[in-house]
Amino acid sequence: MDHDDGHDAVTSPALEASGEWVRALLPLLVLTSLRDGPSYGYAMLTRLERAGFRGVTGSGLYPLLARLERRQLVATEWRPGDGGPGRKYFILTEDGHAHASRLREAWTRFTVTANAFNEIDRSS
């Protein structure tokens, strides 16, 4: 599947992460996706898939959303569906914004450290 950036998400080296990495990053990915505004589960799954994270399923996403709600990192509201049943929308709370920022900072530190280690290991 080609994306607007001209890269094929299936073969893009940046997105060839293992399923374990995606599961570990899922809280950050979900909170980040909610920065743009409220969303419902299926829309989040679609957005993640379009970004190249194809291993994410409802059985992984919905329990995470429930945990984020219990921790008050997201709030929920029911909205009417388009010609169908209502949808549960997830909204990023102030605590959720702060938590997402901390996760992004931690991820950045981790990737910098891992990249530095890889460079040291390569030069040995």
N, C-alpha and C. Protein backbone atom coordinates (compact mmCIF):
# COMPACT_ATOMS: atom_id res chain seq x y z
N MET A 1 0.84 -1.17 0.00
CA MET A 1 0.00 0.00 0.00
C MET A 1 0.89 1.23 0.00
N ASP A 2 0.74 2.09 -0.98
CA ASP A 2 1.51 3.33 -1.05
C ASP A 2 0.81 4.41 -0.25
N HIS A 3 1.59 5.26 0.35
CA HIS A 3 1.07 6.36 1.15
C HIS A 3 1.49 7.67 0.52
N ASP A 4 0.92 8.75 1.01
CA ASP A 4 1.18 10.08 0.46
C ASP A 4 2.66 10.43 0.44
N ASP A 5 3.45 9.86 1.35
CA ASP A 5 4.86 10.21 1.41
C ASP A 5 5.70 9.45 0.39
N GLY A 6 5.06 8.60 -0.41
CA GLY A 6 5.77 7.88 -1.44
C GLY A 6 6.46 6.62 -0.97
N HIS A 7 6.32 6.27 0.29
CA HIS A 7 6.95 5.06 0.84
C HIS A 7 5.92 3.95 0.94
N ASP A 8 6.34 2.77 0.66
CA ASP A 8 5.50 1.60 0.83
C ASP A 8 5.63 1.16 2.28
N ALA A 9 4.53 1.24 3.04
CA ALA A 9 4.57 0.95 4.48
C ALA A 9 4.99 -0.48 4.77
N VAL A 10 4.76 -1.39 3.84
CA VAL A 10 5.12 -2.78 4.08
C VAL A 10 6.63 -2.96 4.09
N THR A 11 7.34 -2.21 3.24
CA THR A 11 8.78 -2.41 3.11
C THR A 11 9.61 -1.30 3.73
N SER A 12 8.98 -0.28 4.25
CA SER A 12 9.71 0.84 4.84
C SER A 12 10.52 0.34 6.03
N PRO A 13 11.86 0.52 6.01
CA PRO A 13 12.69 0.05 7.13
C PRO A 13 12.26 0.65 8.46
N ALA A 14 11.76 1.88 8.44
CA ALA A 14 11.35 2.53 9.69
C ALA A 14 10.18 1.82 10.33
N LEU A 15 9.41 1.07 9.56
CA LEU A 15 8.21 0.45 10.10
C LEU A 15 8.33 -1.07 10.22
N GLU A 16 9.51 -1.61 10.04
CA GLU A 16 9.69 -3.06 10.13
C GLU A 16 9.95 -3.49 11.57
N ALA A 17 9.18 -2.96 12.49
CA ALA A 17 9.33 -3.30 13.91
C ALA A 17 8.58 -4.59 14.20
N SER A 18 9.07 -5.30 15.18
CA SER A 18 8.40 -6.53 15.58
C SER A 18 7.09 -6.20 16.27
N GLY A 19 6.23 -7.20 16.34
CA GLY A 19 4.95 -7.03 17.03
C GLY A 19 5.13 -6.65 18.48
N GLU A 20 6.21 -7.13 19.09
CA GLU A 20 6.47 -6.78 20.49
C GLU A 20 6.74 -5.30 20.65
N TRP A 21 7.46 -4.72 19.71
CA TRP A 21 7.73 -3.28 19.77
C TRP A 21 6.44 -2.50 19.63
N VAL A 22 5.60 -2.93 18.70
CA VAL A 22 4.33 -2.23 18.48
C VAL A 22 3.48 -2.32 19.73
N ARG A 23 3.40 -3.50 20.34
CA ARG A 23 2.62 -3.64 21.58
C ARG A 23 3.17 -2.73 22.67
N ALA A 24 4.48 -2.65 22.77
CA ALA A 24 5.09 -1.79 23.80
C ALA A 24 4.81 -0.32 23.52
N LEU A 25 4.76 0.05 22.26
CA LEU A 25 4.54 1.45 21.88
C LEU A 25 3.07 1.82 21.77
N LEU A 26 2.18 0.84 21.82
CA LEU A 26 0.77 1.11 21.58
C LEU A 26 0.19 2.21 22.46
N PRO A 27 0.49 2.27 23.76
CA PRO A 27 -0.05 3.40 24.54
C PRO A 27 0.38 4.75 23.98
N LEU A 28 1.64 4.88 23.60
CA LEU A 28 2.11 6.13 23.01
C LEU A 28 1.42 6.40 21.69
N LEU A 29 1.29 5.38 20.85
CA LEU A 29 0.65 5.56 19.55
C LEU A 29 -0.81 6.00 19.69
N VAL A 30 -1.52 5.37 20.62
CA VAL A 30 -2.94 5.70 20.83
C VAL A 30 -3.08 7.12 21.38
N LEU A 31 -2.31 7.44 22.41
CA LEU A 31 -2.40 8.79 22.97
C LEU A 31 -2.02 9.84 21.94
N THR A 32 -1.02 9.55 21.14
CA THR A 32 -0.61 10.49 20.09
C THR A 32 -1.71 10.66 19.06
N SER A 33 -2.39 9.58 18.71
CA SER A 33 -3.46 9.69 17.71
C SER A 33 -4.62 10.54 18.22
N LEU A 34 -4.79 10.59 19.55
CA LEU A 34 -5.89 11.38 20.11
C LEU A 34 -5.54 12.86 20.27
N ARG A 35 -4.29 13.23 20.02
CA ARG A 35 -3.92 14.66 20.08
C ARG A 35 -4.71 15.47 19.06
N ASP A 36 -5.05 14.84 17.93
CA ASP A 36 -5.77 15.55 16.87
C ASP A 36 -7.26 15.68 17.15
N GLY A 37 -7.73 15.07 18.21
CA GLY A 37 -9.14 15.16 18.56
C GLY A 37 -9.72 13.80 18.90
N PRO A 38 -10.96 13.79 19.38
CA PRO A 38 -11.61 12.55 19.78
C PRO A 38 -11.70 11.56 18.62
N SER A 39 -11.67 10.29 18.97
CA SER A 39 -11.78 9.24 17.96
C SER A 39 -12.39 8.01 18.61
N TYR A 40 -12.86 7.10 17.77
CA TYR A 40 -13.40 5.83 18.27
C TYR A 40 -12.45 4.70 17.86
N GLY A 41 -12.61 3.56 18.47
CA GLY A 41 -11.66 2.47 18.32
C GLY A 41 -11.37 2.05 16.89
N TYR A 42 -12.41 1.82 16.10
CA TYR A 42 -12.18 1.35 14.74
C TYR A 42 -11.41 2.38 13.93
N ALA A 43 -11.70 3.66 14.12
CA ALA A 43 -10.97 4.71 13.40
C ALA A 43 -9.50 4.70 13.81
N MET A 44 -9.22 4.46 15.09
CA MET A 44 -7.83 4.39 15.54
C MET A 44 -7.12 3.20 14.91
N LEU A 45 -7.80 2.05 14.85
CA LEU A 45 -7.20 0.88 14.21
C LEU A 45 -6.87 1.17 12.75
N THR A 46 -7.79 1.82 12.06
CA THR A 46 -7.58 2.16 10.66
C THR A 46 -6.41 3.11 10.50
N ARG A 47 -6.34 4.11 11.36
CA ARG A 47 -5.24 5.07 11.29
C ARG A 47 -3.89 4.39 11.54
N LEU A 48 -3.84 3.52 12.53
CA LEU A 48 -2.61 2.79 12.83
C LEU A 48 -2.21 1.90 11.65
N GLU A 49 -3.19 1.23 11.06
CA GLU A 49 -2.89 0.36 9.92
C GLU A 49 -2.35 1.18 8.75
N ARG A 50 -2.97 2.31 8.48
CA ARG A 50 -2.50 3.16 7.38
C ARG A 50 -1.08 3.67 7.62
N ALA A 51 -0.72 3.82 8.89
CA ALA A 51 0.63 4.28 9.24
C ALA A 51 1.65 3.14 9.16
N GLY A 52 1.16 1.91 8.96
CA GLY A 52 2.06 0.78 8.82
C GLY A 52 2.07 -0.17 10.00
N PHE A 53 1.28 0.10 11.03
CA PHE A 53 1.23 -0.76 12.22
C PHE A 53 0.10 -1.77 12.04
N ARG A 54 0.35 -2.78 11.21
CA ARG A 54 -0.70 -3.72 10.83
C ARG A 54 -0.98 -4.80 11.87
N GLY A 55 -0.14 -4.96 12.85
CA GLY A 55 -0.35 -6.02 13.83
C GLY A 55 -1.32 -5.65 14.94
N VAL A 56 -1.81 -4.43 14.95
CA VAL A 56 -2.71 -3.99 16.02
C VAL A 56 -4.12 -4.49 15.72
N THR A 57 -4.73 -5.12 16.71
CA THR A 57 -6.09 -5.63 16.56
C THR A 57 -6.97 -5.05 17.65
N GLY A 58 -8.26 -5.25 17.49
CA GLY A 58 -9.20 -4.80 18.50
C GLY A 58 -8.95 -5.46 19.84
N SER A 59 -8.50 -6.72 19.82
CA SER A 59 -8.25 -7.42 21.08
C SER A 59 -7.05 -6.85 21.82
N GLY A 60 -6.22 -6.08 21.15
CA GLY A 60 -5.12 -5.38 21.81
C GLY A 60 -5.49 -3.94 22.13
N LEU A 61 -6.26 -3.32 21.24
CA LEU A 61 -6.58 -1.90 21.41
C LEU A 61 -7.62 -1.65 22.49
N TYR A 62 -8.73 -2.38 22.47
CA TYR A 62 -9.83 -2.06 23.39
C TYR A 62 -9.48 -2.26 24.86
N PRO A 63 -8.77 -3.32 25.25
CA PRO A 63 -8.35 -3.40 26.65
C PRO A 63 -7.41 -2.26 27.04
N LEU A 64 -6.54 -1.84 26.12
CA LEU A 64 -5.66 -0.70 26.39
C LEU A 64 -6.49 0.56 26.61
N LEU A 65 -7.48 0.80 25.76
CA LEU A 65 -8.32 1.98 25.92
C LEU A 65 -9.04 1.96 27.27
N ALA A 66 -9.49 0.78 27.70
CA ALA A 66 -10.14 0.65 29.01
C ALA A 66 -9.16 0.99 30.13
N ARG A 67 -7.91 0.53 30.00
CA ARG A 67 -6.89 0.86 31.03
C ARG A 67 -6.60 2.36 31.04
N LEU A 68 -6.50 2.95 29.86
CA LEU A 68 -6.24 4.39 29.78
C LEU A 68 -7.40 5.18 30.40
N GLU A 69 -8.61 4.69 30.20
CA GLU A 69 -9.78 5.35 30.80
C GLU A 69 -9.76 5.21 32.32
N ARG A 70 -9.44 4.02 32.82
CA ARG A 70 -9.37 3.83 34.28
C ARG A 70 -8.32 4.74 34.90
N ARG A 71 -7.22 4.96 34.18
CA ARG A 71 -6.15 5.83 34.68
C ARG A 71 -6.45 7.31 34.42
N GLN A 72 -7.60 7.59 33.85
CA GLN A 72 -8.07 8.95 33.54
C GLN A 72 -7.13 9.68 32.57
N LEU A 73 -6.51 8.91 31.69
CA LEU A 73 -5.69 9.50 30.63
C LEU A 73 -6.54 9.79 29.40
N VAL A 74 -7.67 9.09 29.29
CA VAL A 74 -8.67 9.39 28.28
C VAL A 74 -10.03 9.43 28.96
N ALA A 75 -10.91 10.23 28.39
CA ALA A 75 -12.32 10.26 28.80
C ALA A 75 -13.12 9.69 27.64
N THR A 76 -14.37 9.35 27.89
CA THR A 76 -15.20 8.80 26.83
C THR A 76 -16.54 9.51 26.76
N GLU A 77 -17.12 9.45 25.59
CA GLU A 77 -18.49 9.92 25.41
C GLU A 77 -19.11 9.15 24.25
N TRP A 78 -20.40 8.91 24.37
CA TRP A 78 -21.12 8.22 23.30
C TRP A 78 -21.66 9.27 22.35
N ARG A 79 -21.50 8.99 21.06
CA ARG A 79 -22.02 9.88 20.02
C ARG A 79 -22.84 9.04 19.05
N PRO A 80 -23.85 9.66 18.43
CA PRO A 80 -24.65 8.90 17.46
C PRO A 80 -23.78 8.41 16.31
N GLY A 81 -24.09 7.21 15.82
CA GLY A 81 -23.38 6.67 14.67
C GLY A 81 -23.97 7.20 13.38
N ASP A 82 -23.25 7.05 12.31
CA ASP A 82 -23.74 7.46 10.99
C ASP A 82 -24.67 6.38 10.45
N GLY A 83 -25.96 6.50 10.75
CA GLY A 83 -26.93 5.52 10.27
C GLY A 83 -26.86 4.18 10.97
N GLY A 84 -26.16 4.10 12.07
CA GLY A 84 -26.04 2.84 12.80
C GLY A 84 -26.00 3.12 14.29
N PRO A 85 -25.49 2.15 15.04
CA PRO A 85 -25.43 2.34 16.49
C PRO A 85 -24.44 3.44 16.87
N GLY A 86 -24.61 3.94 18.08
CA GLY A 86 -23.71 4.97 18.57
C GLY A 86 -22.29 4.45 18.71
N ARG A 87 -21.37 5.39 18.81
CA ARG A 87 -19.96 5.03 18.95
C ARG A 87 -19.40 5.65 20.22
N LYS A 88 -18.52 4.90 20.85
CA LYS A 88 -17.83 5.39 22.04
C LYS A 88 -16.57 6.11 21.58
N TYR A 89 -16.54 7.41 21.81
CA TYR A 89 -15.38 8.23 21.43
C TYR A 89 -14.45 8.38 22.62
N PHE A 90 -13.18 8.39 22.34
CA PHE A 90 -12.14 8.56 23.35
C PHE A 90 -11.53 9.94 23.17
N ILE A 91 -11.35 10.63 24.29
CA ILE A 91 -10.88 12.01 24.30
C ILE A 91 -9.67 12.08 25.22
N LEU A 92 -8.60 12.68 24.74
CA LEU A 92 -7.39 12.82 25.53
C LEU A 92 -7.62 13.85 26.64
N THR A 93 -7.34 13.47 27.88
CA THR A 93 -7.48 14.39 29.02
C THR A 93 -6.18 15.18 29.19
N GLU A 94 -6.20 16.16 30.09
CA GLU A 94 -4.96 16.90 30.39
C GLU A 94 -3.89 15.94 30.92
N ASP A 95 -4.29 15.03 31.81
CA ASP A 95 -3.33 14.03 32.30
C ASP A 95 -2.82 13.16 31.15
N GLY A 96 -3.70 12.86 30.20
CA GLY A 96 -3.30 12.07 29.03
C GLY A 96 -2.28 12.80 28.17
N HIS A 97 -2.49 14.11 27.98
CA HIS A 97 -1.51 14.92 27.24
C HIS A 97 -0.15 14.87 27.93
N ALA A 98 -0.16 15.06 29.25
CA ALA A 98 1.10 15.06 30.01
C ALA A 98 1.77 13.69 29.94
N HIS A 99 0.97 12.64 30.07
CA HIS A 99 1.53 11.28 30.02
C HIS A 99 2.11 11.00 28.64
N ALA A 100 1.41 11.42 27.59
CA ALA A 100 1.91 11.22 26.23
C ALA A 100 3.24 11.94 26.03
N SER A 101 3.36 13.14 26.58
CA SER A 101 4.63 13.88 26.47
C SER A 101 5.75 13.13 27.16
N ARG A 102 5.47 12.58 28.34
CA ARG A 102 6.50 11.81 29.06
C ARG A 102 6.89 10.56 28.27
N LEU A 103 5.90 9.89 27.69
CA LEU A 103 6.20 8.70 26.89
C LEU A 103 7.04 9.05 25.66
N ARG A 104 6.71 10.17 25.00
CA ARG A 104 7.49 10.60 23.83
C ARG A 104 8.93 10.90 24.22
N GLU A 105 9.11 11.58 25.35
CA GLU A 105 10.46 11.89 25.84
C GLU A 105 11.22 10.60 26.15
N ALA A 106 10.56 9.65 26.80
CA ALA A 106 11.21 8.38 27.14
C ALA A 106 11.57 7.61 25.86
N TRP A 107 10.68 7.62 24.88
CA TRP A 107 10.96 6.93 23.62
C TRP A 107 12.14 7.58 22.91
N THR A 108 12.20 8.90 22.92
CA THR A 108 13.32 9.60 22.28
C THR A 108 14.63 9.23 22.96
N ARG A 109 14.64 9.25 24.30
CA ARG A 109 15.86 8.87 25.03
C ARG A 109 16.26 7.43 24.71
N PHE A 110 15.29 6.55 24.67
CA PHE A 110 15.56 5.15 24.37
C PHE A 110 16.16 4.99 22.98
N THR A 111 15.57 5.63 21.98
CA THR A 111 16.08 5.47 20.62
C THR A 111 17.46 6.09 20.47
N VAL A 112 17.71 7.22 21.12
CA VAL A 112 19.05 7.83 21.07
C VAL A 112 20.06 6.87 21.70
N THR A 113 19.73 6.31 22.85
CA THR A 113 20.64 5.38 23.53
C THR A 113 20.87 4.12 22.69
N ALA A 114 19.80 3.57 22.14
CA ALA A 114 19.93 2.36 21.32
C ALA A 114 20.76 2.64 20.07
N ASN A 115 20.54 3.77 19.44
CA ASN A 115 21.32 4.12 18.25
C ASN A 115 22.79 4.32 18.59
N ALA A 116 23.05 4.98 19.72
CA ALA A 116 24.44 5.18 20.15
C ALA A 116 25.10 3.84 20.43
N PHE A 117 24.38 2.94 21.07
CA PHE A 117 24.92 1.60 21.34
C PHE A 117 25.23 0.88 20.04
N ASN A 118 24.33 0.97 19.08
CA ASN A 118 24.55 0.31 17.79
C ASN A 118 25.79 0.87 17.10
N GLU A 119 26.02 2.17 17.21
CA GLU A 119 27.21 2.78 16.61
C GLU A 119 28.48 2.31 17.31
N ILE A 120 28.45 2.24 18.64
CA ILE A 120 29.61 1.75 19.40
C ILE A 120 29.89 0.31 19.04
N ASP A 121 28.83 -0.49 18.98
CA ASP A 121 28.98 -1.90 18.67
C ASP A 121 29.55 -2.09 17.26
N ARG A 122 29.16 -1.24 16.32
CA ARG A 122 29.64 -1.33 14.95
C ARG A 122 31.12 -0.99 14.84
N SER A 123 31.56 -0.06 15.67
CA SER A 123 32.96 0.38 15.58
C SER A 123 33.92 -0.55 16.32
N SER A 124 33.38 -1.47 17.10
CA SER A 124 34.25 -2.40 17.86
C SER A 124 34.82 -3.48 16.98
